PDB file of N, CA and C in Angstrom:
ATOM      1  N   THR A   1      -9.833   4.045  18.821  1.00  0.00           N
ATOM      2  CA  THR A   1      -8.984   5.184  18.525  1.00  0.00           C
ATOM      3  C   THR A   1      -8.137   6.537  19.227  1.00  0.00           C
ATOM      4  N   PRO A   2      -7.329   7.622  19.066  1.00  0.00           N
ATOM      5  CA  PRO A   2      -6.164   8.429  19.602  1.00  0.00           C
ATOM      6  C   PRO A   2      -7.407   8.364  21.146  1.00  0.00           C
ATOM      7  N   SER A   3      -7.646   8.438  21.114  1.00  0.00           N
ATOM      8  CA  SER A   3      -8.566   9.470  22.464  1.00  0.00           C
ATOM      9  C   SER A   3      -9.042   7.532  23.359  1.00  0.00           C
ATOM     10  N   THR A   4      -9.164   6.802  22.716  1.00  0.00           N
ATOM     11  CA  THR A   4      -8.538   5.570  24.271  1.00  0.00           C
ATOM     12  C   THR A   4      -7.524   4.952  23.885  1.00  0.00           C
ATOM     13  N   GLY A   5      -6.555   5.449  22.947  1.00  0.00           N
ATOM     14  CA  GLY A   5      -5.491   4.842  23.302  1.00  0.00           C
ATOM     15  C   GLY A   5      -5.213   3.743  21.636  1.00  0.00           C
ATOM     16  N   CYS A   6      -6.523   2.632  21.041  1.00  0.00           N
ATOM     17  CA  CYS A   6      -5.849   2.368  20.910  1.00  0.00           C
ATOM     18  C   CYS A   6      -5.280   2.823  19.638  1.00  0.00           C
ATOM     19  N   PRO A   7      -4.528   2.241  18.566  1.00  0.00           N
ATOM     20  CA  PRO A   7      -3.819   2.471  17.572  1.00  0.00           C
ATOM     21  C   PRO A   7      -4.861   3.130  16.234  1.00  0.00           C
ATOM     22  N   VAL A   8      -4.592   3.454  15.518  1.00  0.00           N
ATOM     23  CA  VAL A   8      -6.060   3.809  14.527  1.00  0.00           C
ATOM     24  C   VAL A   8      -4.923   3.340  12.937  1.00  0.00           C
ATOM     25  N   LYS A   9      -5.208   2.503  12.062  1.00  0.00           N
ATOM     26  CA  LYS A   9      -5.160   2.204  11.436  1.00  0.00           C
ATOM     27  C   LYS A   9      -5.754   2.728   9.481  1.00  0.00           C
ATOM     28  N   GLY A  10      -4.939   3.276   8.973  1.00  0.00           N
ATOM     29  CA  GLY A  10      -5.327   3.543   7.907  1.00  0.00           C
ATOM     30  C   GLY A  10      -4.788   2.412   6.509  1.00  0.00           C
ATOM     31  N   VAL A  11      -6.452   1.876   5.878  1.00  0.00           N
ATOM     32  CA  VAL A  11      -5.833   0.878   4.919  1.00  0.00           C
ATOM     33  C   VAL A  11      -6.323   1.261   3.551  1.00  0.00           C
ATOM     34  N   HIS A  12      -5.472   0.472   2.780  1.00  0.00           N
ATOM     35  CA  HIS A  12      -5.772   1.102   1.074  1.00  0.00           C
ATOM     36  C   HIS A  12      -5.436  -0.367   0.863  1.00  0.00           C
ATOM     37  N   ILE A  13      -5.847  -0.765  -0.351  1.00  0.00           N
ATOM     38  CA  ILE A  13      -6.229  -1.715  -1.098  1.00  0.00           C
ATOM     39  C   ILE A  13      -6.258  -1.599  -2.538  1.00  0.00           C
ATOM     40  N   ASN A  14      -4.425  -2.167  -3.402  1.00  0.00           N
ATOM     41  CA  ASN A  14      -4.491  -1.252  -4.979  1.00  0.00           C
ATOM     42  C   ASN A  14      -4.027  -2.670  -5.561  1.00  0.00           C
ATOM     43  N   PHE A  15      -5.073  -2.470  -6.618  1.00  0.00           N
ATOM     44  CA  PHE A  15      -4.812  -4.028  -7.454  1.00  0.00           C
ATOM     45  C   PHE A  15      -4.489  -2.851  -9.076  1.00  0.00           C
ATOM     46  N   GLY A  16      -4.619  -1.843  -9.137  1.00  0.00           N
ATOM     47  CA  GLY A  16      -4.777  -0.652 -10.326  1.00  0.00           C
ATOM     48  C   GLY A  16      -3.037  -0.172 -10.228  1.00  0.00           C
ATOM     49  N   HIS A  17      -2.627   0.542 -11.606  1.00  0.00           N
ATOM     50  CA  HIS A  17      -1.944   1.051 -12.318  1.00  0.00           C
ATOM     51  C   HIS A  17      -0.900   1.132 -10.880  1.00  0.00           C
ATOM     52  N   ALA A  18       0.252   0.684 -11.490  1.00  0.00           N
ATOM     53  CA  ALA A  18       1.915   1.371 -10.249  1.00  0.00           C
ATOM     54  C   ALA A  18       1.945   2.869 -10.246  1.00  0.00           C
ATOM     55  N   SER A  19       1.511   3.753 -10.901  1.00  0.00           N
ATOM     56  CA  SER A  19       1.850   5.326 -11.573  1.00  0.00           C
ATOM     57  C   SER A  19       1.205   5.882 -10.293  1.00  0.00           C
ATOM     58  N   PHE A  20      -0.122   5.062  -9.674  1.00  0.00           N
ATOM     59  CA  PHE A  20      -0.895   5.548  -8.163  1.00  0.00           C
ATOM     60  C   PHE A  20      -0.263   5.368  -6.990  1.00  0.00           C
ATOM     61  N   LEU A  21       0.854   4.614  -7.337  1.00  0.00           N
ATOM     62  CA  LEU A  21       1.919   3.590  -5.941  1.00  0.00           C
ATOM     63  C   LEU A  21       2.558   5.558  -5.342  1.00  0.00           C
ATOM     64  N   GLY A  22       2.530   6.023  -5.609  1.00  0.00           N
ATOM     65  CA  GLY A  22       3.165   7.539  -4.329  1.00  0.00           C
ATOM     66  C   GLY A  22       2.085   8.144  -3.514  1.00  0.00           C
ATOM     67  N   THR A  23       0.799   8.749  -5.118  1.00  0.00           N
ATOM     68  CA  THR A  23      -0.349   9.532  -4.618  1.00  0.00           C
ATOM     69  C   THR A  23      -0.747   8.446  -3.515  1.00  0.00           C
ATOM     70  N   ASP A  24      -1.230   7.425  -3.213  1.00  0.00           N
ATOM     71  CA  ASP A  24      -1.405   6.063  -2.763  1.00  0.00           C
ATOM     72  C   ASP A  24      -0.811   6.048  -0.641  1.00  0.00           C
ATOM     73  N   LEU A  25       0.871   6.033  -1.306  1.00  0.00           N
ATOM     74  CA  LEU A  25       1.644   6.386  -0.533  1.00  0.00           C
ATOM     75  C   LEU A  25       1.483   7.443   0.430  1.00  0.00           C
ATOM     76  N   LEU A  26       1.408   8.764   0.002  1.00  0.00           N
ATOM     77  CA  LEU A  26       1.566  10.045   0.468  1.00  0.00           C
ATOM     78  C   LEU A  26       0.083  10.133   1.555  1.00  0.00           C
ATOM     79  N   LYS A  27      -0.862   9.297   1.033  1.00  0.00           N
ATOM     80  CA  LYS A  27      -2.394   9.130   1.304  1.00  0.00           C
ATOM     81  C   LYS A  27      -2.038   8.990   3.657  1.00  0.00           C
ATOM     82  N   PHE A  28      -1.121   8.292   3.479  1.00  0.00           N
ATOM     83  CA  PHE A  28      -1.401   7.701   4.327  1.00  0.00           C
ATOM     84  C   PHE A  28      -0.369   8.858   5.578  1.00  0.00           C
ATOM     85  N   GLN A  29       0.299   9.224   5.170  1.00  0.00           N
ATOM     86  CA  GLN A  29       1.414  10.595   5.928  1.00  0.00           C
ATOM     87  C   GLN A  29      -0.039  11.513   5.622  1.00  0.00           C
ATOM     88  N   MET A  30      -1.172  12.191   4.570  1.00  0.00           N
ATOM     89  CA  MET A  30      -1.060  13.218   5.226  1.00  0.00           C
ATOM     90  C   MET A  30      -2.382  12.511   5.876  1.00  0.00           C
ATOM     91  N   ALA A  31      -2.545  11.538   6.206  1.00  0.00           N
ATOM     92  CA  ALA A  31      -4.164  11.228   7.595  1.00  0.00           C
ATOM     93  C   ALA A  31      -3.327  10.875   8.886  1.00  0.00           C
ATOM     94  N   SER A  32      -1.853  11.262   9.101  1.00  0.00           N
ATOM     95  CA  SER A  32      -1.402  11.376  10.551  1.00  0.00           C
ATOM     96  C   SER A  32      -0.196  12.941  10.508  1.00  0.00           C
ATOM     97  N   TYR A  33      -0.893  13.923   9.479  1.00  0.00           N
ATOM     98  CA  TYR A  33       0.347  14.501   9.477  1.00  0.00           C
ATOM     99  C   TYR A  33      -0.559  15.676  10.508  1.00  0.00           C
ATOM    100  N   SER A  34       0.946  16.317  10.807  1.00  0.00           N
ATOM    101  CA  SER A  34       0.674  17.707  11.700  1.00  0.00           C
ATOM    102  C   SER A  34      -0.505  17.717  12.696  1.00  0.00           C
ATOM    103  N   ASN A  35      -0.033  16.580  13.303  1.00  0.00           N
ATOM    104  CA  ASN A  35      -0.928  16.170  14.288  1.00  0.00           C
ATOM    105  C   ASN A  35      -2.303  16.130  14.518  1.00  0.00           C
ATOM    106  N   LEU A  36      -2.505  15.463  13.611  1.00  0.00           N
ATOM    107  CA  LEU A  36      -3.982  15.709  13.608  1.00  0.00           C
ATOM    108  C   LEU A  36      -4.313  13.907  14.226  1.00  0.00           C
ATOM    109  N   ASP A  37      -3.631  13.164  14.197  1.00  0.00           N
ATOM    110  CA  ASP A  37      -3.755  11.854  14.473  1.00  0.00           C
ATOM    111  C   ASP A  37      -4.907  10.880  14.552  1.00  0.00           C
ATOM    112  N   PHE A  38      -5.104  11.314  12.699  1.00  0.00           N
ATOM    113  CA  PHE A  38      -6.476  10.179  11.777  1.00  0.00           C
ATOM    114  C   PHE A  38      -5.762   8.512  12.120  1.00  0.00           C
ATOM    115  N   ILE A  39      -4.410   7.966  11.358  1.00  0.00           N
ATOM    116  CA  ILE A  39      -3.626   7.276  11.319  1.00  0.00           C
ATOM    117  C   ILE A  39      -2.344   7.098  12.513  1.00  0.00           C
ATOM    118  N   ASP A  40      -1.890   5.583  12.791  1.00  0.00           N
ATOM    119  CA  ASP A  40      -0.982   5.817  13.444  1.00  0.00           C
ATOM    120  C   ASP A  40      -0.208   4.813  12.336  1.00  0.00           C
ATOM    121  N   PHE A  41      -0.529   4.262  11.403  1.00  0.00           N
ATOM    122  CA  PHE A  41       0.263   2.930  10.867  1.00  0.00           C
ATOM    123  C   PHE A  41      -0.542   2.826   9.551  1.00  0.00           C
ATOM    124  N   GLY A  42       0.041   3.156   8.798  1.00  0.00           N
ATOM    125  CA  GLY A  42      -0.689   2.447   6.725  1.00  0.00           C
ATOM    126  C   GLY A  42      -0.879   0.782   6.758  1.00  0.00           C
ATOM    127  N   VAL A  43      -1.163   0.658   6.385  1.00  0.00           N
ATOM    128  CA  VAL A  43      -1.347  -1.226   5.585  1.00  0.00           C
ATOM    129  C   VAL A  43      -2.147  -1.241   4.553  1.00  0.00           C
ATOM    130  N   TYR A  44      -0.776  -1.437   3.847  1.00  0.00           N
ATOM    131  CA  TYR A  44      -1.213  -1.629   2.029  1.00  0.00           C
ATOM    132  C   TYR A  44      -1.117  -3.312   1.784  1.00  0.00           C
ATOM    133  N   ILE A  45      -2.205  -3.028   1.076  1.00  0.00           N
ATOM    134  CA  ILE A  45      -2.615  -4.457   0.071  1.00  0.00           C
ATOM    135  C   ILE A  45      -3.311  -4.579  -1.531  1.00  0.00           C
ATOM    136  N   THR A  46      -2.226  -5.623  -1.477  1.00  0.00           N
ATOM    137  CA  THR A  46      -2.370  -6.153  -3.094  1.00  0.00           C
ATOM    138  C   THR A  46      -1.584  -6.903  -3.642  1.00  0.00           C
ATOM    139  N   THR A  47      -1.393  -7.384  -4.745  1.00  0.00           N
ATOM    140  CA  THR A  47      -1.050  -9.059  -5.050  1.00  0.00           C
ATOM    141  C   THR A  47       0.160  -8.558  -5.412  1.00  0.00           C
ATOM    142  N   THR A  48       1.010 -10.565  -5.464  1.00  0.00           N
ATOM    143  CA  THR A  48       2.011 -10.435  -5.356  1.00  0.00           C
ATOM    144  C   THR A  48       2.258 -10.312  -7.210  1.00  0.00           C
ATOM    145  N   LYS A  49       3.707 -11.107  -7.705  1.00  0.00           N
ATOM    146  CA  LYS A  49       3.624 -11.430  -9.205  1.00  0.00           C
ATOM    147  C   LYS A  49       3.192 -12.391  -9.353  1.00  0.00           C
ATOM    148  N   ALA A  50       3.428 -13.583  -8.106  1.00  0.00           N
ATOM    149  CA  ALA A  50       2.782 -14.464  -8.293  1.00  0.00           C
ATOM    150  C   ALA A  50       1.116 -14.560  -8.461  1.00  0.00           C
ATOM    151  N   MET A  51       0.625 -13.662  -8.083  1.00  0.00           N
ATOM    152  CA  MET A  51      -0.670 -14.096  -7.561  1.00  0.00           C
ATOM    153  C   MET A  51      -1.542 -12.816  -9.264  1.00  0.00           C
ATOM    154  N   GLN A  52      -0.465 -12.782  -9.973  1.00  0.00           N
ATOM    155  CA  GLN A  52      -1.119 -11.821 -10.967  1.00  0.00           C
ATOM    156  C   GLN A  52      -1.068 -13.029 -12.276  1.00  0.00           C
ATOM    157  N   LYS A  53       0.310 -14.026 -12.056  1.00  0.00           N
ATOM    158  CA  LYS A  53       0.780 -14.737 -13.583  1.00  0.00           C
ATOM    159  C   LYS A  53      -0.893 -15.940 -12.869  1.00  0.00           C
ATOM    160  N   PHE A  54      -0.528 -15.974 -12.808  1.00  0.00           N
ATOM    161  CA  PHE A  54      -2.060 -17.047 -11.871  1.00  0.00           C
ATOM    162  C   PHE A  54      -2.908 -16.697 -12.115  1.00  0.00           C
ATOM    163  N   LEU A  55      -3.432 -15.641 -11.775  1.00  0.00           N
ATOM    164  CA  LEU A  55      -4.611 -15.216 -12.339  1.00  0.00           C
ATOM    165  C   LEU A  55      -4.817 -14.382 -13.789  1.00  0.00           C
ATOM    166  N   THR A  56      -3.519 -13.973 -14.084  1.00  0.00           N
ATOM    167  CA  THR A  56      -3.333 -14.004 -15.591  1.00  0.00           C
ATOM    168  C   THR A  56      -3.570 -15.966 -17.330  1.00  0.00           C
ATOM    169  N   ASN A  57      -3.342 -17.282 -15.851  1.00  0.00           N
ATOM    170  CA  ASN A  57      -2.845 -17.882 -16.684  1.00  0.00           C
ATOM    171  C   ASN A  57      -4.864 -18.298 -15.993  1.00  0.00           C
ATOM    172  N   GLN A  58      -4.818 -18.987 -15.046  1.00  0.00           N
ATOM    173  CA  GLN A  58      -6.598 -19.176 -15.427  1.00  0.00           C
ATOM    174  C   GLN A  58      -7.602 -18.073 -15.915  1.00  0.00           C
ATOM    175  N   TYR A  59      -7.565 -16.972 -15.650  1.00  0.00           N
ATOM    176  CA  TYR A  59      -8.992 -15.940 -16.588  1.00  0.00           C
ATOM    177  C   TYR A  59      -8.299 -15.202 -17.094  1.00  0.00           C
ATOM    178  N   GLY A  60      -7.164 -15.156 -17.921  1.00  0.00           N
ATOM    179  CA  GLY A  60      -7.126 -14.734 -18.768  1.00  0.00           C
ATOM    180  C   GLY A  60      -6.723 -12.403 -18.649  1.00  0.00           C
ATOM    181  N   HIS A  61      -6.035 -12.297 -17.372  1.00  0.00           N
ATOM    182  CA  HIS A  61      -6.574 -10.632 -16.585  1.00  0.00           C
ATOM    183  C   HIS A  61      -4.787 -10.151 -16.890  1.00  0.00           C
ATOM    184  N   ASN A  62      -5.527  -9.289 -17.945  1.00  0.00           N
ATOM    185  CA  ASN A  62      -4.490  -8.432 -18.028  1.00  0.00           C
ATOM    186  C   ASN A  62      -3.655  -7.619 -16.778  1.00  0.00           C
ATOM    187  N   TRP A  63      -2.700  -8.026 -16.476  1.00  0.00           N
ATOM    188  CA  TRP A  63      -1.964  -7.289 -15.294  1.00  0.00           C
ATOM    189  C   TRP A  63      -1.009  -5.962 -15.967  1.00  0.00           C
ATOM    190  N   GLU A  64      -0.295  -5.854 -16.775  1.00  0.00           N
ATOM    191  CA  GLU A  64       0.422  -5.250 -17.645  1.00  0.00           C
ATOM    192  C   GLU A  64       0.866  -3.581 -17.149  1.00  0.00           C
ATOM    193  N   GLY A  65       1.765  -3.106 -16.179  1.00  0.00           N
ATOM    194  CA  GLY A  65       1.382  -1.552 -15.735  1.00  0.00           C
ATOM    195  C   GLY A  65       0.681  -1.502 -14.781  1.00  0.00           C
ATOM    196  N   SER A  66       0.977  -2.945 -13.748  1.00  0.00           N
ATOM    197  CA  SER A  66       0.400  -2.707 -12.508  1.00  0.00           C
ATOM    198  C   SER A  66       0.602  -3.004 -11.767  1.00  0.00           C
ATOM    199  N   LEU A  67       0.231  -2.405 -10.404  1.00  0.00           N
ATOM    200  CA  LEU A  67       1.193  -2.880  -9.303  1.00  0.00           C
ATOM    201  C   LEU A  67       1.395  -4.181  -8.589  1.00  0.00           C
ATOM    202  N   ASN A  68       2.458  -4.290  -8.124  1.00  0.00           N
ATOM    203  CA  ASN A  68       2.190  -5.678  -7.414  1.00  0.00           C
ATOM    204  C   ASN A  68       3.438  -5.455  -5.951  1.00  0.00           C
ATOM    205  N   PHE A  69       3.097  -6.642  -5.047  1.00  0.00           N
ATOM    206  CA  PHE A  69       4.513  -6.430  -4.168  1.00  0.00           C
ATOM    207  C   PHE A  69       5.359  -6.090  -3.421  1.00  0.00           C
ATOM    208  N   GLU A  70       6.291  -6.782  -4.660  1.00  0.00           N
ATOM    209  CA  GLU A  70       7.185  -6.639  -5.397  1.00  0.00           C
ATOM    210  C   GLU A  70       7.876  -5.037  -5.782  1.00  0.00           C
ATOM    211  N   LYS A  71       7.329  -4.078  -6.553  1.00  0.00           N
ATOM    212  CA  LYS A  71       6.650  -3.144  -6.993  1.00  0.00           C
ATOM    213  C   LYS A  71       7.106  -1.922  -5.763  1.00  0.00           C
ATOM    214  N   VAL A  72       5.663  -2.485  -4.849  1.00  0.00           N
ATOM    215  CA  VAL A  72       5.469  -1.579  -3.384  1.00  0.00           C
ATOM    216  C   VAL A  72       6.889  -1.716  -3.284  1.00  0.00           C
ATOM    217  N   GLU A  73       7.720  -2.723  -2.355  1.00  0.00           N
ATOM    218  CA  GLU A  73       9.309  -3.405  -1.606  1.00  0.00           C
ATOM    219  C   GLU A  73       9.686  -2.406  -2.042  1.00  0.00           C
ATOM    220  N   LYS A  74       9.926  -2.270  -3.480  1.00  0.00           N
ATOM    221  CA  LYS A  74      11.658  -2.119  -3.981  1.00  0.00           C
ATOM    222  C   LYS A  74      11.171  -0.013  -4.135  1.00  0.00           C
ATOM    223  N   TYR A  75       9.567  -0.008  -4.368  1.00  0.00           N
ATOM    224  CA  TYR A  75      10.473   1.640  -4.263  1.00  0.00           C
ATOM    225  C   TYR A  75       9.490   2.102  -3.133  1.00  0.00           C
ATOM    226  N   LEU A  76       8.806   1.912  -1.924  1.00  0.00           N
ATOM    227  CA  LEU A  76       8.316   1.684  -0.573  1.00  0.00           C
ATOM    228  C   LEU A  76      10.306   3.519   0.070  1.00  0.00           C
ATOM    229  N   PRO A  77      11.017   2.571  -0.224  1.00  0.00           N
ATOM    230  CA  PRO A  77      12.523   3.252   0.358  1.00  0.00           C
ATOM    231  C   PRO A  77      12.518   4.227  -0.091  1.00  0.00           C
ATOM    232  N   TYR A  78      12.104   4.915  -1.581  1.00  0.00           N
ATOM    233  CA  TYR A  78      12.449   6.225  -2.025  1.00  0.00           C
ATOM    234  C   TYR A  78      11.607   7.628  -1.036  1.00  0.00           C
ATOM    235  N   PHE A  79      10.550   7.150  -0.627  1.00  0.00           N
ATOM    236  CA  PHE A  79       9.187   7.905   0.036  1.00  0.00           C
ATOM    237  C   PHE A  79       9.864   7.664   1.116  1.00  0.00           C
ATOM    238  N   LYS A  80      10.758   6.733   1.837  1.00  0.00           N
ATOM    239  CA  LYS A  80      11.741   7.125   3.442  1.00  0.00           C
ATOM    240  C   LYS A  80      11.679   8.670   3.798  1.00  0.00           C
ATOM    241  N   SER A  81      11.843  10.357   3.246  1.00  0.00           N
ATOM    242  CA  SER A  81      12.621  11.330   3.308  1.00  0.00           C
ATOM    243  C   SER A  81      10.955  11.599   3.630  1.00  0.00           C
ATOM    244  N   ALA A  82       9.754  10.864   3.055  1.00  0.00           N
ATOM    245  CA  ALA A  82       8.569  12.133   2.740  1.00  0.00           C
ATOM    246  C   ALA A  82       7.447  11.429   3.595  1.00  0.00           C
ATOM    247  N   ILE A  83       8.049  10.109   4.166  1.00  0.00           N
ATOM    248  CA  ILE A  83       6.319   9.696   5.233  1.00  0.00           C
ATOM    249  C   ILE A  83       7.069   8.753   6.390  1.00  0.00           C
ATOM    250  N   GLN A  84       6.306   9.546   7.165  1.00  0.00           N
ATOM    251  CA  GLN A  84       6.901   9.057   8.324  1.00  0.00           C
ATOM    252  C   GLN A  84       5.756   8.437   9.432  1.00  0.00           C
ATOM    253  N   VAL A  85       4.884   7.926   8.934  1.00  0.00           N
ATOM    254  CA  VAL A  85       4.126   7.080   9.468  1.00  0.00           C
ATOM    255  C   VAL A  85       4.518   5.288   8.989  1.00  0.00           C
ATOM    256  N   PRO A  86       4.746   4.176  10.326  1.00  0.00           N
ATOM    257  CA  PRO A  86       5.293   3.014   9.662  1.00  0.00           C
ATOM    258  C   PRO A  86       3.835   2.661   8.139  1.00  0.00           C
ATOM    259  N   ILE A  87       4.032   1.616   7.497  1.00  0.00           N
ATOM    260  CA  ILE A  87       3.842   1.234   6.689  1.00  0.00           C
ATOM    261  C   ILE A  87       3.830  -0.049   6.405  1.00  0.00           C
ATOM    262  N   TYR A  88       2.835  -0.792   6.635  1.00  0.00           N
ATOM    263  CA  TYR A  88       2.810  -2.626   7.063  1.00  0.00           C
ATOM    264  C   TYR A  88       2.081  -2.472   5.078  1.00  0.00           C
ATOM    265  N   VAL A  89       2.998  -3.567   4.129  1.00  0.00           N
ATOM    266  CA  VAL A  89       2.925  -3.755   3.085  1.00  0.00           C
ATOM    267  C   VAL A  89       2.278  -5.397   3.113  1.00  0.00           C
ATOM    268  N   ILE A  90       0.946  -5.585   3.032  1.00  0.00           N
ATOM    269  CA  ILE A  90       1.009  -6.764   2.227  1.00  0.00           C
ATOM    270  C   ILE A  90       0.629  -7.560   1.171  1.00  0.00           C
ATOM    271  N   GLY A  91       1.407  -8.511   1.128  1.00  0.00           N
ATOM    272  CA  GLY A  91       0.847  -9.214  -0.722  1.00  0.00           C
ATOM    273  C   GLY A  91       0.212 -10.036  -0.493  1.00  0.00           C
ATOM    274  N   ILE A  92      -0.856 -10.426  -1.575  1.00  0.00           N
ATOM    275  CA  ILE A  92      -2.107 -11.538  -1.625  1.00  0.00           C
ATOM    276  C   ILE A  92      -1.280 -12.600  -2.514  1.00  0.00           C
ATOM    277  N   ASP A  93      -1.487 -13.280  -1.846  1.00  0.00           N
ATOM    278  CA  ASP A  93      -0.300 -14.974  -2.956  1.00  0.00           C
ATOM    279  C   ASP A  93      -1.011 -16.029  -3.325  1.00  0.00           C
ATOM    280  N   VAL A  94      -0.863 -16.609  -3.901  1.00  0.00           N
ATOM    281  CA  VAL A  94      -1.567 -17.772  -3.980  1.00  0.00           C
ATOM    282  C   VAL A  94      -0.868 -19.365  -3.346  1.00  0.00           C
TER     283      VAL A  94
END
């Protein structure tokens, strides 16, 4: 916690639609904004394309329009001016 000096992290897990990426990322900024110090960094967890392909082949899951690690990695630099809190992106893979 901020009072003990230990870093506080915000975690978001998204297996949903890619259209929520901007809103999800801005939540991290809002939690660290204006010296509120709710979080020191964010952790964003999603699946990779390979994992989605595996789940589609194995279980017939439809991932059309879904977010994946590669999309987050591609679009995160566009949010650089709006988000000052560090965000670690984790892709769940097979």
